[in-house]
Amino acid sequence: MSEKLDWRQATRAQLYEIAYNDVQAPIHHRQAAAEEIKRRNRKQHRRVNYHKKAVYPR
């Protein structure tokens, strides 16, 4: 079992099953699945396309 798994293609249900419910899964697979869940739950930082206009007092 030296094959490398692609965690980005797995569904969320599959990741939760491997990370938390499958007791026979190897520990490195469980850890990788948990890391992928955390990565997907991270907030996406989007770029802001507007700039605040500087307003000077009169």
N, C-alpha and C. Protein backbone atom coordinates (compact mmCIF):
# COMPACT_ATOMS: atom_id res chain seq x y z
N MET A 1 0.83 -1.18 0.00
CA MET A 1 0.00 0.00 0.00
C MET A 1 0.88 1.25 0.00
N SER A 2 1.73 1.36 -0.99
CA SER A 2 2.58 2.53 -1.09
C SER A 2 1.99 3.57 -2.03
N GLU A 3 0.74 3.37 -2.43
CA GLU A 3 0.11 4.32 -3.34
C GLU A 3 -0.24 5.61 -2.61
N LYS A 4 -0.12 6.71 -3.30
CA LYS A 4 -0.41 8.03 -2.74
C LYS A 4 -1.88 8.36 -3.04
N LEU A 5 -2.64 8.68 -2.01
CA LEU A 5 -4.05 9.00 -2.18
C LEU A 5 -4.22 10.48 -2.48
N ASP A 6 -5.18 10.81 -3.33
CA ASP A 6 -5.47 12.20 -3.65
C ASP A 6 -6.66 12.64 -2.81
N TRP A 7 -6.37 13.36 -1.74
CA TRP A 7 -7.41 13.73 -0.79
C TRP A 7 -8.33 14.81 -1.33
N ARG A 8 -7.89 15.59 -2.29
CA ARG A 8 -8.73 16.66 -2.84
C ARG A 8 -9.89 16.12 -3.67
N GLN A 9 -9.77 14.90 -4.16
CA GLN A 9 -10.86 14.31 -4.96
C GLN A 9 -11.89 13.60 -4.10
N ALA A 10 -11.57 13.36 -2.84
CA ALA A 10 -12.50 12.66 -1.95
C ALA A 10 -13.65 13.58 -1.54
N THR A 11 -14.82 12.98 -1.35
CA THR A 11 -15.96 13.77 -0.89
C THR A 11 -15.82 14.01 0.61
N ARG A 12 -16.59 14.96 1.11
CA ARG A 12 -16.55 15.29 2.54
C ARG A 12 -16.96 14.09 3.39
N ALA A 13 -17.95 13.35 2.93
CA ALA A 13 -18.41 12.17 3.68
C ALA A 13 -17.30 11.11 3.76
N GLN A 14 -16.59 10.93 2.67
CA GLN A 14 -15.48 9.96 2.67
C GLN A 14 -14.38 10.40 3.63
N LEU A 15 -14.08 11.70 3.65
CA LEU A 15 -13.03 12.20 4.53
C LEU A 15 -13.41 12.01 6.00
N TYR A 16 -14.67 12.33 6.34
CA TYR A 16 -15.11 12.15 7.73
C TYR A 16 -15.10 10.68 8.12
N GLU A 17 -15.47 9.82 7.20
CA GLU A 17 -15.46 8.38 7.47
C GLU A 17 -14.05 7.89 7.77
N ILE A 18 -13.09 8.30 6.96
CA ILE A 18 -11.71 7.86 7.16
C ILE A 18 -11.12 8.49 8.43
N ALA A 19 -11.35 9.78 8.62
CA ALA A 19 -10.71 10.49 9.72
C ALA A 19 -11.24 10.09 11.09
N TYR A 20 -12.54 9.84 11.20
CA TYR A 20 -13.13 9.67 12.53
C TYR A 20 -13.80 8.32 12.77
N ASN A 21 -14.31 7.65 11.75
CA ASN A 21 -15.09 6.44 11.98
C ASN A 21 -14.35 5.15 11.67
N ASP A 22 -13.40 5.18 10.75
CA ASP A 22 -12.71 3.97 10.32
C ASP A 22 -11.55 3.69 11.27
N VAL A 23 -11.72 2.71 12.16
CA VAL A 23 -10.69 2.42 13.15
C VAL A 23 -9.55 1.60 12.56
N GLN A 24 -9.77 0.98 11.41
CA GLN A 24 -8.73 0.15 10.80
C GLN A 24 -7.89 0.91 9.79
N ALA A 25 -8.20 2.17 9.55
CA ALA A 25 -7.41 2.97 8.61
C ALA A 25 -6.06 3.29 9.23
N PRO A 26 -5.01 3.29 8.41
CA PRO A 26 -3.69 3.66 8.95
C PRO A 26 -3.71 5.09 9.49
N ILE A 27 -2.87 5.32 10.49
CA ILE A 27 -2.88 6.60 11.19
C ILE A 27 -2.51 7.74 10.25
N HIS A 28 -1.61 7.50 9.28
CA HIS A 28 -1.24 8.59 8.37
C HIS A 28 -2.38 8.93 7.42
N HIS A 29 -3.24 7.98 7.10
CA HIS A 29 -4.43 8.27 6.28
C HIS A 29 -5.44 9.06 7.10
N ARG A 30 -5.61 8.69 8.36
CA ARG A 30 -6.56 9.40 9.22
C ARG A 30 -6.12 10.84 9.43
N GLN A 31 -4.83 11.04 9.62
CA GLN A 31 -4.30 12.38 9.82
C GLN A 31 -4.43 13.22 8.55
N ALA A 32 -4.14 12.61 7.40
CA ALA A 32 -4.25 13.34 6.13
C ALA A 32 -5.70 13.73 5.83
N ALA A 33 -6.63 12.84 6.14
CA ALA A 33 -8.04 13.15 5.93
C ALA A 33 -8.49 14.29 6.85
N ALA A 34 -8.04 14.28 8.09
CA ALA A 34 -8.39 15.36 9.02
C ALA A 34 -7.79 16.69 8.57
N GLU A 35 -6.57 16.66 8.03
CA GLU A 35 -5.95 17.89 7.52
C GLU A 35 -6.71 18.43 6.32
N GLU A 36 -7.20 17.54 5.45
CA GLU A 36 -7.97 17.98 4.29
C GLU A 36 -9.29 18.60 4.73
N ILE A 37 -9.93 18.03 5.76
CA ILE A 37 -11.17 18.61 6.29
C ILE A 37 -10.90 20.01 6.82
N LYS A 38 -9.81 20.18 7.56
CA LYS A 38 -9.45 21.50 8.08
C LYS A 38 -9.17 22.48 6.95
N ARG A 39 -8.49 22.00 5.89
CA ARG A 39 -8.18 22.87 4.76
C ARG A 39 -9.45 23.34 4.08
N ARG A 40 -10.43 22.44 3.94
CA ARG A 40 -11.69 22.82 3.29
C ARG A 40 -12.52 23.75 4.16
N ASN A 41 -12.37 23.67 5.48
CA ASN A 41 -13.15 24.52 6.38
C ASN A 41 -12.54 25.91 6.54
N ARG A 42 -11.31 26.08 6.08
CA ARG A 42 -10.67 27.39 6.18
C ARG A 42 -11.44 28.43 5.41
N LYS A 43 -11.44 29.64 5.94
CA LYS A 43 -12.13 30.73 5.26
C LYS A 43 -11.30 31.17 4.06
N GLN A 44 -11.95 31.34 2.94
CA GLN A 44 -11.26 31.77 1.73
C GLN A 44 -11.07 33.28 1.77
N HIS A 45 -9.85 33.73 1.60
CA HIS A 45 -9.57 35.16 1.57
C HIS A 45 -9.61 35.63 0.13
N ARG A 46 -10.56 36.45 -0.17
CA ARG A 46 -10.71 36.94 -1.53
C ARG A 46 -10.11 38.33 -1.65
N ARG A 47 -9.69 38.64 -2.82
CA ARG A 47 -9.10 39.94 -3.08
C ARG A 47 -10.19 41.00 -3.21
N VAL A 48 -9.99 42.14 -2.61
CA VAL A 48 -10.95 43.23 -2.67
C VAL A 48 -10.65 44.08 -3.90
N ASN A 49 -11.66 44.38 -4.71
CA ASN A 49 -11.46 45.09 -5.96
C ASN A 49 -11.76 46.58 -5.87
N TYR A 50 -11.97 47.10 -4.69
CA TYR A 50 -12.25 48.52 -4.56
C TYR A 50 -11.29 49.12 -3.53
N HIS A 51 -11.06 50.41 -3.66
CA HIS A 51 -10.19 51.12 -2.73
C HIS A 51 -11.00 52.20 -2.04
N LYS A 52 -10.72 52.40 -0.76
CA LYS A 52 -11.41 53.47 -0.03
C LYS A 52 -10.84 54.81 -0.48
N LYS A 53 -11.72 55.71 -0.78
CA LYS A 53 -11.30 57.02 -1.23
C LYS A 53 -10.91 57.87 -0.02
N ALA A 54 -9.76 58.49 -0.10
CA ALA A 54 -9.30 59.34 1.00
C ALA A 54 -10.11 60.61 1.03
N VAL A 55 -10.69 60.93 2.17
CA VAL A 55 -11.49 62.13 2.34
C VAL A 55 -10.76 63.02 3.35
N TYR A 56 -10.45 64.22 2.90
CA TYR A 56 -9.73 65.16 3.74
C TYR A 56 -10.68 66.21 4.28
N PRO A 57 -10.51 66.63 5.54
CA PRO A 57 -11.39 67.67 6.09
C PRO A 57 -11.11 69.02 5.44
N ARG A 58 -12.16 69.87 5.38
CA ARG A 58 -12.00 71.20 4.76
C ARG A 58 -11.60 72.23 5.75
